[in-house]
Amino acid sequence: MAVDWEAWLRNVRQAVRAGSIEWKQHALERLLTSGIRMESVEQAILEGEIVEFYPDAYPVPAGLLLHIVGEDPLHVVVAFDEQNNGICHVITAYRPSPDKFEMDWKTRKS
């Protein structure tokens, strides 16, 4: 099934603005171990850009967002569950490594 990623991102942002956000255990653990603030993750969702889109992710489409917080890049993986009251699921958040990403923080290294 084809998914319009721009509409998907609008829906994700609307869900976050409405407080319909669910933090997965993995995301919360990553925040604790890396010192990333929940507010920074929410800001990344509201202002970031899609780096990768996974329309066939199971059980619902997901995407990798990039946002620069101060001078630090932040990646956030979110999924949007349209069938379950439009909930944004925060899957994980991390600071991308220059070992794995080019300096644009969008392009994965081979």
PDB file of N, CA and C in Angstrom:
ATOM      1  N   MET A   1       0.840  -1.177   0.000  1.00  0.00           N
ATOM      2  CA  MET A   1       0.000   0.000   0.000  1.00  0.00           C
ATOM      3  C   MET A   1       0.891   1.248   0.000  1.00  0.00           C
ATOM      4  N   ALA A   2       0.635   2.159  -0.907  1.00  0.00           N
ATOM      5  CA  ALA A   2       1.408   3.402  -0.988  1.00  0.00           C
ATOM      6  C   ALA A   2       0.941   4.369   0.107  1.00  0.00           C
ATOM      7  N   VAL A   3       1.901   5.009   0.712  1.00  0.00           N
ATOM      8  CA  VAL A   3       1.596   5.974   1.768  1.00  0.00           C
ATOM      9  C   VAL A   3       2.178   7.314   1.367  1.00  0.00           C
ATOM     10  N   ASP A   4       1.394   8.354   1.511  1.00  0.00           N
ATOM     11  CA  ASP A   4       1.850   9.719   1.238  1.00  0.00           C
ATOM     12  C   ASP A   4       2.642  10.188   2.457  1.00  0.00           C
ATOM     13  N   TRP A   5       3.987  10.220   2.345  1.00  0.00           N
ATOM     14  CA  TRP A   5       4.805  10.529   3.509  1.00  0.00           C
ATOM     15  C   TRP A   5       4.610  11.956   4.007  1.00  0.00           C
ATOM     16  N   GLU A   6       4.261  12.884   3.110  1.00  0.00           N
ATOM     17  CA  GLU A   6       4.021  14.259   3.579  1.00  0.00           C
ATOM     18  C   GLU A   6       2.765  14.319   4.444  1.00  0.00           C
ATOM     19  N   ALA A   7       1.716  13.635   4.024  1.00  0.00           N
ATOM     20  CA  ALA A   7       0.487  13.581   4.826  1.00  0.00           C
ATOM     21  C   ALA A   7       0.759  12.825   6.130  1.00  0.00           C
ATOM     22  N   TRP A   8       1.564  11.764   6.026  1.00  0.00           N
ATOM     23  CA  TRP A   8       1.928  10.995   7.214  1.00  0.00           C
ATOM     24  C   TRP A   8       2.606  11.902   8.242  1.00  0.00           C
ATOM     25  N   LEU A   9       3.563  12.720   7.775  1.00  0.00           N
ATOM     26  CA  LEU A   9       4.283  13.614   8.688  1.00  0.00           C
ATOM     27  C   LEU A   9       3.344  14.657   9.284  1.00  0.00           C
ATOM     28  N   ARG A  10       2.436  15.189   8.501  1.00  0.00           N
ATOM     29  CA  ARG A  10       1.449  16.147   9.046  1.00  0.00           C
ATOM     30  C   ARG A  10       0.632  15.482  10.155  1.00  0.00           C
ATOM     31  N   ASN A  11       0.208  14.244   9.925  1.00  0.00           N
ATOM     32  CA  ASN A  11      -0.581  13.516  10.928  1.00  0.00           C
ATOM     33  C   ASN A  11       0.227  13.243  12.193  1.00  0.00           C
ATOM     34  N   VAL A  12       1.490  12.877  12.018  1.00  0.00           N
ATOM     35  CA  VAL A  12       2.372  12.650  13.165  1.00  0.00           C
ATOM     36  C   VAL A  12       2.465  13.923  13.997  1.00  0.00           C
ATOM     37  N   ARG A  13       2.711  15.033  13.333  1.00  0.00           N
ATOM     38  CA  ARG A  13       2.858  16.317  14.052  1.00  0.00           C
ATOM     39  C   ARG A  13       1.562  16.728  14.728  1.00  0.00           C
ATOM     40  N   GLN A  14       0.445  16.506  14.071  1.00  0.00           N
ATOM     41  CA  GLN A  14      -0.848  16.832  14.677  1.00  0.00           C
ATOM     42  C   GLN A  14      -1.067  15.989  15.934  1.00  0.00           C
ATOM     43  N   ALA A  15      -0.705  14.712  15.872  1.00  0.00           N
ATOM     44  CA  ALA A  15      -0.857  13.843  17.035  1.00  0.00           C
ATOM     45  C   ALA A  15      -0.002  14.338  18.198  1.00  0.00           C
ATOM     46  N   VAL A  16       1.232  14.722  17.918  1.00  0.00           N
ATOM     47  CA  VAL A  16       2.124  15.206  18.974  1.00  0.00           C
ATOM     48  C   VAL A  16       1.572  16.495  19.575  1.00  0.00           C
ATOM     49  N   ARG A  17       1.114  17.407  18.732  1.00  0.00           N
ATOM     50  CA  ARG A  17       0.536  18.667  19.244  1.00  0.00           C
ATOM     51  C   ARG A  17      -0.680  18.398  20.135  1.00  0.00           C
ATOM     52  N   ALA A  18      -1.433  17.343  19.802  1.00  0.00           N
ATOM     53  CA  ALA A  18      -2.637  16.999  20.572  1.00  0.00           C
ATOM     54  C   ALA A  18      -2.315  16.162  21.806  1.00  0.00           C
ATOM     55  N   GLY A  19      -1.043  15.810  21.974  1.00  0.00           N
ATOM     56  CA  GLY A  19      -0.657  15.002  23.124  1.00  0.00           C
ATOM     57  C   GLY A  19      -0.878  13.514  22.927  1.00  0.00           C
ATOM     58  N   SER A  20      -1.166  13.097  21.701  1.00  0.00           N
ATOM     59  CA  SER A  20      -1.377  11.673  21.403  1.00  0.00           C
ATOM     60  C   SER A  20      -0.043  11.041  21.039  1.00  0.00           C
ATOM     61  N   ILE A  21       0.788  10.873  22.044  1.00  0.00           N
ATOM     62  CA  ILE A  21       2.136  10.361  21.837  1.00  0.00           C
ATOM     63  C   ILE A  21       2.391   9.242  22.830  1.00  0.00           C
ATOM     64  N   GLU A  22       2.947   8.154  22.337  1.00  0.00           N
ATOM     65  CA  GLU A  22       3.274   7.017  23.190  1.00  0.00           C
ATOM     66  C   GLU A  22       4.775   6.774  23.084  1.00  0.00           C
ATOM     67  N   TRP A  23       5.419   6.729  24.223  1.00  0.00           N
ATOM     68  CA  TRP A  23       6.866   6.526  24.290  1.00  0.00           C
ATOM     69  C   TRP A  23       7.133   5.044  24.513  1.00  0.00           C
ATOM     70  N   LYS A  24       7.749   4.401  23.550  1.00  0.00           N
ATOM     71  CA  LYS A  24       8.104   2.996  23.695  1.00  0.00           C
ATOM     72  C   LYS A  24       9.233   2.854  24.707  1.00  0.00           C
ATOM     73  N   GLN A  25       9.292   1.704  25.357  1.00  0.00           N
ATOM     74  CA  GLN A  25      10.302   1.446  26.384  1.00  0.00           C
ATOM     75  C   GLN A  25      11.715   1.687  25.852  1.00  0.00           C
ATOM     76  N   HIS A  26      11.986   1.225  24.633  1.00  0.00           N
ATOM     77  CA  HIS A  26      13.320   1.398  24.053  1.00  0.00           C
ATOM     78  C   HIS A  26      13.679   2.880  23.947  1.00  0.00           C
ATOM     79  N   ALA A  27      12.724   3.696  23.528  1.00  0.00           N
ATOM     80  CA  ALA A  27      12.977   5.133  23.413  1.00  0.00           C
ATOM     81  C   ALA A  27      13.303   5.731  24.776  1.00  0.00           C
ATOM     82  N   LEU A  28      12.542   5.377  25.786  1.00  0.00           N
ATOM     83  CA  LEU A  28      12.783   5.923  27.120  1.00  0.00           C
ATOM     84  C   LEU A  28      14.148   5.503  27.653  1.00  0.00           C
ATOM     85  N   GLU A  29      14.524   4.255  27.388  1.00  0.00           N
ATOM     86  CA  GLU A  29      15.850   3.800  27.815  1.00  0.00           C
ATOM     87  C   GLU A  29      16.953   4.566  27.106  1.00  0.00           C
ATOM     88  N   ARG A  30      16.783   4.795  25.806  1.00  0.00           N
ATOM     89  CA  ARG A  30      17.792   5.548  25.047  1.00  0.00           C
ATOM     90  C   ARG A  30      17.913   6.982  25.560  1.00  0.00           C
ATOM     91  N   LEU A  31      16.788   7.591  25.899  1.00  0.00           N
ATOM     92  CA  LEU A  31      16.823   8.958  26.427  1.00  0.00           C
ATOM     93  C   LEU A  31      17.607   8.997  27.731  1.00  0.00           C
ATOM     94  N   LEU A  32      17.349   8.031  28.598  1.00  0.00           N
ATOM     95  CA  LEU A  32      18.045   7.996  29.879  1.00  0.00           C
ATOM     96  C   LEU A  32      19.549   7.793  29.718  1.00  0.00           C
ATOM     97  N   THR A  33      19.937   6.874  28.855  1.00  0.00           N
ATOM     98  CA  THR A  33      21.357   6.556  28.712  1.00  0.00           C
ATOM     99  C   THR A  33      22.131   7.609  27.926  1.00  0.00           C
ATOM    100  N   SER A  34      21.433   8.371  27.077  1.00  0.00           N
ATOM    101  CA  SER A  34      22.138   9.347  26.235  1.00  0.00           C
ATOM    102  C   SER A  34      21.958  10.793  26.690  1.00  0.00           C
ATOM    103  N   GLY A  35      21.077  11.012  27.649  1.00  0.00           N
ATOM    104  CA  GLY A  35      20.860  12.369  28.130  1.00  0.00           C
ATOM    105  C   GLY A  35      20.026  13.235  27.193  1.00  0.00           C
ATOM    106  N   ILE A  36      19.303  12.604  26.275  1.00  0.00           N
ATOM    107  CA  ILE A  36      18.418  13.351  25.371  1.00  0.00           C
ATOM    108  C   ILE A  36      17.126  13.660  26.121  1.00  0.00           C
ATOM    109  N   ARG A  37      16.670  14.896  26.003  1.00  0.00           N
ATOM    110  CA  ARG A  37      15.453  15.313  26.691  1.00  0.00           C
ATOM    111  C   ARG A  37      14.207  15.006  25.850  1.00  0.00           C
ATOM    112  N   MET A  38      13.114  14.686  26.506  1.00  0.00           N
ATOM    113  CA  MET A  38      11.851  14.433  25.810  1.00  0.00           C
ATOM    114  C   MET A  38      11.435  15.651  24.987  1.00  0.00           C
ATOM    115  N   GLU A  39      11.683  16.828  25.520  1.00  0.00           N
ATOM    116  CA  GLU A  39      11.325  18.054  24.806  1.00  0.00           C
ATOM    117  C   GLU A  39      12.089  18.166  23.490  1.00  0.00           C
ATOM    118  N   SER A  40      13.343  17.719  23.485  1.00  0.00           N
ATOM    119  CA  SER A  40      14.144  17.746  22.259  1.00  0.00           C
ATOM    120  C   SER A  40      13.578  16.778  21.227  1.00  0.00           C
ATOM    121  N   VAL A  41      13.109  15.622  21.686  1.00  0.00           N
ATOM    122  CA  VAL A  41      12.504  14.648  20.783  1.00  0.00           C
ATOM    123  C   VAL A  41      11.212  15.212  20.190  1.00  0.00           C
ATOM    124  N   GLU A  42      10.383  15.804  21.026  1.00  0.00           N
ATOM    125  CA  GLU A  42       9.144  16.389  20.529  1.00  0.00           C
ATOM    126  C   GLU A  42       9.445  17.509  19.537  1.00  0.00           C
ATOM    127  N   GLN A  43      10.435  18.329  19.825  1.00  0.00           N
ATOM    128  CA  GLN A  43      10.829  19.397  18.911  1.00  0.00           C
ATOM    129  C   GLN A  43      11.304  18.808  17.580  1.00  0.00           C
ATOM    130  N   ALA A  44      12.060  17.717  17.646  1.00  0.00           N
ATOM    131  CA  ALA A  44      12.535  17.057  16.430  1.00  0.00           C
ATOM    132  C   ALA A  44      11.360  16.556  15.593  1.00  0.00           C
ATOM    133  N   ILE A  45      10.343  16.036  16.238  1.00  0.00           N
ATOM    134  CA  ILE A  45       9.171  15.557  15.509  1.00  0.00           C
ATOM    135  C   ILE A  45       8.435  16.729  14.862  1.00  0.00           C
ATOM    136  N   LEU A  46       8.293  17.811  15.595  1.00  0.00           N
ATOM    137  CA  LEU A  46       7.532  18.955  15.092  1.00  0.00           C
ATOM    138  C   LEU A  46       8.272  19.767  14.037  1.00  0.00           C
ATOM    139  N   GLU A  47       9.613  19.753  14.077  1.00  0.00           N
ATOM    140  CA  GLU A  47      10.377  20.628  13.192  1.00  0.00           C
ATOM    141  C   GLU A  47      11.350  19.896  12.267  1.00  0.00           C
ATOM    142  N   GLY A  48      11.564  18.608  12.524  1.00  0.00           N
ATOM    143  CA  GLY A  48      12.571  17.869  11.765  1.00  0.00           C
ATOM    144  C   GLY A  48      12.118  17.505  10.363  1.00  0.00           C
ATOM    145  N   GLU A  49      13.048  16.910   9.627  1.00  0.00           N
ATOM    146  CA  GLU A  49      12.749  16.471   8.270  1.00  0.00           C
ATOM    147  C   GLU A  49      12.883  14.959   8.186  1.00  0.00           C
ATOM    148  N   ILE A  50      12.118  14.382   7.269  1.00  0.00           N
ATOM    149  CA  ILE A  50      12.190  12.944   7.072  1.00  0.00           C
ATOM    150  C   ILE A  50      13.477  12.611   6.326  1.00  0.00           C
ATOM    151  N   VAL A  51      14.245  11.709   6.912  1.00  0.00           N
ATOM    152  CA  VAL A  51      15.486  11.226   6.308  1.00  0.00           C
ATOM    153  C   VAL A  51      15.216   9.905   5.594  1.00  0.00           C
ATOM    154  N   GLU A  52      14.446   9.049   6.232  1.00  0.00           N
ATOM    155  CA  GLU A  52      14.062   7.766   5.659  1.00  0.00           C
ATOM    156  C   GLU A  52      12.602   7.520   6.021  1.00  0.00           C
ATOM    157  N   PHE A  53      11.884   6.919   5.087  1.00  0.00           N
ATOM    158  CA  PHE A  53      10.478   6.598   5.324  1.00  0.00           C
ATOM    159  C   PHE A  53      10.304   5.105   5.103  1.00  0.00           C
ATOM    160  N   TYR A  54       9.612   4.464   6.025  1.00  0.00           N
ATOM    161  CA  TYR A  54       9.409   3.028   5.975  1.00  0.00           C
ATOM    162  C   TYR A  54       7.908   2.726   5.849  1.00  0.00           C
ATOM    163  N   PRO A  55       7.360   2.863   4.630  1.00  0.00           N
ATOM    164  CA  PRO A  55       5.913   2.685   4.466  1.00  0.00           C
ATOM    165  C   PRO A  55       5.432   1.276   4.762  1.00  0.00           C
ATOM    166  N   ASP A  56       6.326   0.296   4.661  1.00  0.00           N
ATOM    167  CA  ASP A  56       5.936  -1.088   4.890  1.00  0.00           C
ATOM    168  C   ASP A  56       6.316  -1.597   6.276  1.00  0.00           C
ATOM    169  N   ALA A  57       6.684  -0.693   7.172  1.00  0.00           N
ATOM    170  CA  ALA A  57       7.019  -1.109   8.532  1.00  0.00           C
ATOM    171  C   ALA A  57       5.793  -1.747   9.168  1.00  0.00           C
ATOM    172  N   TYR A  58       6.045  -2.747  10.000  1.00  0.00           N
ATOM    173  CA  TYR A  58       4.946  -3.448  10.653  1.00  0.00           C
ATOM    174  C   TYR A  58       4.880  -3.054  12.117  1.00  0.00           C
ATOM    175  N   PRO A  59       3.759  -2.742  12.646  1.00  0.00           N
ATOM    176  CA  PRO A  59       2.438  -2.878  12.054  1.00  0.00           C
ATOM    177  C   PRO A  59       1.944  -1.624  11.330  1.00  0.00           C
ATOM    178  N   VAL A  60       2.661  -0.484  11.493  1.00  0.00           N
ATOM    179  CA  VAL A  60       2.228   0.759  10.845  1.00  0.00           C
ATOM    180  C   VAL A  60       3.445   1.475  10.250  1.00  0.00           C
ATOM    181  N   PRO A  61       3.230   2.344   9.249  1.00  0.00           N
ATOM    182  CA  PRO A  61       4.346   3.071   8.645  1.00  0.00           C
ATOM    183  C   PRO A  61       5.147   3.867   9.678  1.00  0.00           C
ATOM    184  N   ALA A  62       6.454   3.950   9.435  1.00  0.00           N
ATOM    185  CA  ALA A  62       7.352   4.641  10.348  1.00  0.00           C
ATOM    186  C   ALA A  62       8.325   5.486   9.543  1.00  0.00           C
ATOM    187  N   GLY A  63       9.008   6.371  10.235  1.00  0.00           N
ATOM    188  CA  GLY A  63       9.993   7.209   9.571  1.00  0.00           C
ATOM    189  C   GLY A  63      11.098   7.631  10.516  1.00  0.00           C
ATOM    190  N   LEU A  64      12.231   7.955   9.905  1.00  0.00           N
ATOM    191  CA  LEU A  64      13.390   8.474  10.627  1.00  0.00           C
ATOM    192  C   LEU A  64      13.455   9.964  10.368  1.00  0.00           C
ATOM    193  N   LEU A  65      13.411  10.742  11.430  1.00  0.00           N
ATOM    194  CA  LEU A  65      13.456  12.205  11.329  1.00  0.00           C
ATOM    195  C   LEU A  65      14.804  12.716  11.820  1.00  0.00           C
ATOM    196  N   LEU A  66      15.241  13.791  11.217  1.00  0.00           N
ATOM    197  CA  LEU A  66      16.471  14.472  11.621  1.00  0.00           C
ATOM    198  C   LEU A  66      16.130  15.887  12.034  1.00  0.00           C
ATOM    199  N   HIS A  67      16.695  16.296  13.149  1.00  0.00           N
ATOM    200  CA  HIS A  67      16.573  17.685  13.589  1.00  0.00           C
ATOM    201  C   HIS A  67      17.884  18.075  14.257  1.00  0.00           C
ATOM    202  N   ILE A  68      18.327  19.275  13.985  1.00  0.00           N
ATOM    203  CA  ILE A  68      19.529  19.784  14.621  1.00  0.00           C
ATOM    204  C   ILE A  68      19.100  20.572  15.857  1.00  0.00           C
ATOM    205  N   VAL A  69      19.526  20.097  17.023  1.00  0.00           N
ATOM    206  CA  VAL A  69      19.189  20.737  18.298  1.00  0.00           C
ATOM    207  C   VAL A  69      20.453  21.442  18.773  1.00  0.00           C
ATOM    208  N   GLY A  70      20.430  22.780  18.715  1.00  0.00           N
ATOM    209  CA  GLY A  70      21.649  23.534  18.980  1.00  0.00           C
ATOM    210  C   GLY A  70      22.601  23.250  17.834  1.00  0.00           C
ATOM    211  N   GLU A  71      23.695  22.572  18.127  1.00  0.00           N
ATOM    212  CA  GLU A  71      24.615  22.150  17.076  1.00  0.00           C
ATOM    213  C   GLU A  71      24.628  20.637  16.914  1.00  0.00           C
ATOM    214  N   ASP A  72      23.820  19.945  17.714  1.00  0.00           N
ATOM    215  CA  ASP A  72      23.836  18.492  17.734  1.00  0.00           C
ATOM    216  C   ASP A  72      22.717  17.899  16.883  1.00  0.00           C
ATOM    217  N   PRO A  73      23.061  16.949  16.003  1.00  0.00           N
ATOM    218  CA  PRO A  73      22.018  16.267  15.236  1.00  0.00           C
ATOM    219  C   PRO A  73      21.286  15.265  16.126  1.00  0.00           C
ATOM    220  N   LEU A  74      20.011  15.115  15.870  1.00  0.00           N
ATOM    221  CA  LEU A  74      19.195  14.163  16.614  1.00  0.00           C
ATOM    222  C   LEU A  74      18.344  13.390  15.620  1.00  0.00           C
ATOM    223  N   HIS A  75      18.374  12.075  15.709  1.00  0.00           N
ATOM    224  CA  HIS A  75      17.509  11.207  14.923  1.00  0.00           C
ATOM    225  C   HIS A  75      16.401  10.681  15.821  1.00  0.00           C
ATOM    226  N   VAL A  76      15.197  10.662  15.283  1.00  0.00           N
ATOM    227  CA  VAL A  76      14.046  10.128  16.004  1.00  0.00           C
ATOM    228  C   VAL A  76      13.285   9.217  15.052  1.00  0.00           C
ATOM    229  N   VAL A  77      13.001   8.009  15.500  1.00  0.00           N
ATOM    230  CA  VAL A  77      12.178   7.090  14.719  1.00  0.00           C
ATOM    231  C   VAL A  77      10.791   7.080  15.339  1.00  0.00           C
ATOM    232  N   VAL A  78       9.794   7.385  14.504  1.00  0.00           N
ATOM    233  CA  VAL A  78       8.411   7.402  14.963  1.00  0.00           C
ATOM    234  C   VAL A  78       7.551   6.579  14.015  1.00  0.00           C
ATOM    235  N   ALA A  79       6.460   6.086  14.556  1.00  0.00           N
ATOM    236  CA  ALA A  79       5.446   5.386  13.775  1.00  0.00           C
ATOM    237  C   ALA A  79       4.118   6.070  14.054  1.00  0.00           C
ATOM    238  N   PHE A  80       3.230   6.006  13.075  1.00  0.00           N
ATOM    239  CA  PHE A  80       1.923   6.632  13.248  1.00  0.00           C
ATOM    240  C   PHE A  80       0.836   5.597  13.055  1.00  0.00           C
ATOM    241  N   ASP A  81       0.009   5.444  14.074  1.00  0.00           N
ATOM    242  CA  ASP A  81      -1.074   4.467  14.062  1.00  0.00           C
ATOM    243  C   ASP A  81      -2.394   5.170  13.816  1.00  0.00           C
ATOM    244  N   GLU A  82      -2.735   5.283  12.551  1.00  0.00           N
ATOM    245  CA  GLU A  82      -3.958   5.976  12.161  1.00  0.00           C
ATOM    246  C   GLU A  82      -5.207   5.240  12.637  1.00  0.00           C
ATOM    247  N   GLN A  83      -5.143   3.916  12.683  1.00  0.00           N
ATOM    248  CA  GLN A  83      -6.297   3.103  13.055  1.00  0.00           C
ATOM    249  C   GLN A  83      -6.570   3.109  14.556  1.00  0.00           C
ATOM    250  N   ASN A  84      -5.600   3.535  15.353  1.00  0.00           N
ATOM    251  CA  ASN A  84      -5.734   3.507  16.810  1.00  0.00           C
ATOM    252  C   ASN A  84      -5.742   4.934  17.358  1.00  0.00           C
ATOM    253  N   ASN A  85      -6.736   5.689  16.957  1.00  0.00           N
ATOM    254  CA  ASN A  85      -6.921   7.063  17.441  1.00  0.00           C
ATOM    255  C   ASN A  85      -5.781   8.006  17.072  1.00  0.00           C
ATOM    256  N   GLY A  86      -5.046   7.708  16.017  1.00  0.00           N
ATOM    257  CA  GLY A  86      -4.009   8.621  15.539  1.00  0.00           C
ATOM    258  C   GLY A  86      -2.896   8.853  16.539  1.00  0.00           C
ATOM    259  N   ILE A  87      -2.293   7.794  17.022  1.00  0.00           N
ATOM    260  CA  ILE A  87      -1.233   7.901  18.030  1.00  0.00           C
ATOM    261  C   ILE A  87       0.133   7.902  17.353  1.00  0.00           C
ATOM    262  N   CYS A  88       0.995   8.800  17.800  1.00  0.00           N
ATOM    263  CA  CYS A  88       2.392   8.818  17.376  1.00  0.00           C
ATOM    264  C   CYS A  88       3.183   7.985  18.374  1.00  0.00           C
ATOM    265  N   HIS A  89       3.866   6.970  17.865  1.00  0.00           N
ATOM    266  CA  HIS A  89       4.706   6.116  18.702  1.00  0.00           C
ATOM    267  C   HIS A  89       6.160   6.533  18.516  1.00  0.00           C
ATOM    268  N   VAL A  90       6.806   6.921  19.603  1.00  0.00           N
ATOM    269  CA  VAL A  90       8.234   7.223  19.541  1.00  0.00           C
ATOM    270  C   VAL A  90       8.963   5.907  19.788  1.00  0.00           C
ATOM    271  N   ILE A  91       9.637   5.415  18.741  1.00  0.00           N
ATOM    272  CA  ILE A  91      10.302   4.121  18.797  1.00  0.00           C
ATOM    273  C   ILE A  91      11.687   4.247  19.428  1.00  0.00           C
ATOM    274  N   THR A  92      12.450   5.230  18.957  1.00  0.00           N
ATOM    275  CA  THR A  92      13.788   5.462  19.505  1.00  0.00           C
ATOM    276  C   THR A  92      14.244   6.866  19.149  1.00  0.00           C
ATOM    277  N   ALA A  93      15.273   7.305  19.827  1.00  0.00           N
ATOM    278  CA  ALA A  93      15.921   8.596  19.545  1.00  0.00           C
ATOM    279  C   ALA A  93      17.395   8.428  19.864  1.00  0.00           C
ATOM    280  N   TYR A  94      18.229   9.017  19.021  1.00  0.00           N
ATOM    281  CA  TYR A  94      19.670   8.885  19.229  1.00  0.00           C
ATOM    282  C   TYR A  94      20.407   9.989  18.490  1.00  0.00           C
ATOM    283  N   ARG A  95      21.636  10.189  18.909  1.00  0.00           N
ATOM    284  CA  ARG A  95      22.529  11.092  18.190  1.00  0.00           C
ATOM    285  C   ARG A  95      23.270  10.262  17.148  1.00  0.00           C
ATOM    286  N   PRO A  96      23.096  10.580  15.870  1.00  0.00           N
ATOM    287  CA  PRO A  96      23.738   9.755  14.841  1.00  0.00           C
ATOM    288  C   PRO A  96      25.256   9.818  14.927  1.00  0.00           C
ATOM    289  N   SER A  97      25.863   8.696  14.608  1.00  0.00           N
ATOM    290  CA  SER A  97      27.315   8.567  14.671  1.00  0.00           C
ATOM    291  C   SER A  97      27.936   8.909  13.316  1.00  0.00           C
ATOM    292  N   PRO A  98      29.040   9.671  13.326  1.00  0.00           N
ATOM    293  CA  PRO A  98      29.729   9.946  12.059  1.00  0.00           C
ATOM    294  C   PRO A  98      30.326   8.678  11.448  1.00  0.00           C
ATOM    295  N   ASP A  99      30.398   7.607  12.216  1.00  0.00           N
ATOM    296  CA  ASP A  99      30.844   6.323  11.668  1.00  0.00           C
ATOM    297  C   ASP A  99      29.775   5.686  10.779  1.00  0.00           C
ATOM    298  N   LYS A 100      28.520   6.030  11.044  1.00  0.00           N
ATOM    299  CA  LYS A 100      27.415   5.408  10.310  1.00  0.00           C
ATOM    300  C   LYS A 100      26.729   6.348   9.323  1.00  0.00           C
ATOM    301  N   PHE A 101      26.888   7.671   9.531  1.00  0.00           N
ATOM    302  CA  PHE A 101      26.232   8.649   8.669  1.00  0.00           C
ATOM    303  C   PHE A 101      27.245   9.652   8.140  1.00  0.00           C
ATOM    304  N   GLU A 102      26.969  10.125   6.924  1.00  0.00           N
ATOM    305  CA  GLU A 102      27.759  11.216   6.363  1.00  0.00           C
ATOM    306  C   GLU A 102      27.506  12.461   7.202  1.00  0.00           C
ATOM    307  N   MET A 103      28.299  13.505   6.996  1.00  0.00           N
ATOM    308  CA  MET A 103      28.195  14.703   7.829  1.00  0.00           C
ATOM    309  C   MET A 103      26.907  15.506   7.594  1.00  0.00           C
ATOM    310  N   ASP A 104      26.130  15.126   6.564  1.00  0.00           N
ATOM    311  CA  ASP A 104      24.815  15.751   6.416  1.00  0.00           C
ATOM    312  C   ASP A 104      23.799  15.119   7.368  1.00  0.00           C
ATOM    313  N   TRP A 105      24.200  14.037   8.044  1.00  0.00           N
ATOM    314  CA  TRP A 105      23.408  13.272   9.000  1.00  0.00           C
ATOM    315  C   TRP A 105      22.177  12.625   8.375  1.00  0.00           C
ATOM    316  N   LYS A 106      22.088  12.652   7.042  1.00  0.00           N
ATOM    317  CA  LYS A 106      20.954  12.076   6.322  1.00  0.00           C
ATOM    318  C   LYS A 106      21.335  10.822   5.563  1.00  0.00           C
ATOM    319  N   THR A 107      22.584  10.759   5.131  1.00  0.00           N
ATOM    320  CA  THR A 107      23.037   9.702   4.248  1.00  0.00           C
ATOM    321  C   THR A 107      23.802   8.650   5.031  1.00  0.00           C
ATOM    322  N   ARG A 108      23.333   7.404   4.939  1.00  0.00           N
ATOM    323  CA  ARG A 108      24.041   6.312   5.616  1.00  0.00           C
ATOM    324  C   ARG A 108      25.303   5.981   4.846  1.00  0.00           C
ATOM    325  N   LYS A 109      26.348   5.693   5.594  1.00  0.00           N
ATOM    326  CA  LYS A 109      27.597   5.249   4.966  1.00  0.00           C
ATOM    327  C   LYS A 109      27.446   3.782   4.567  1.00  0.00           C
ATOM    328  N   SER A 110      28.125   3.404   3.504  1.00  0.00           N
ATOM    329  CA  SER A 110      28.052   2.006   3.038  1.00  0.00           C
ATOM    330  C   SER A 110      28.846   1.102   3.934  1.00  0.00           C
TER     331      SER A 110
END
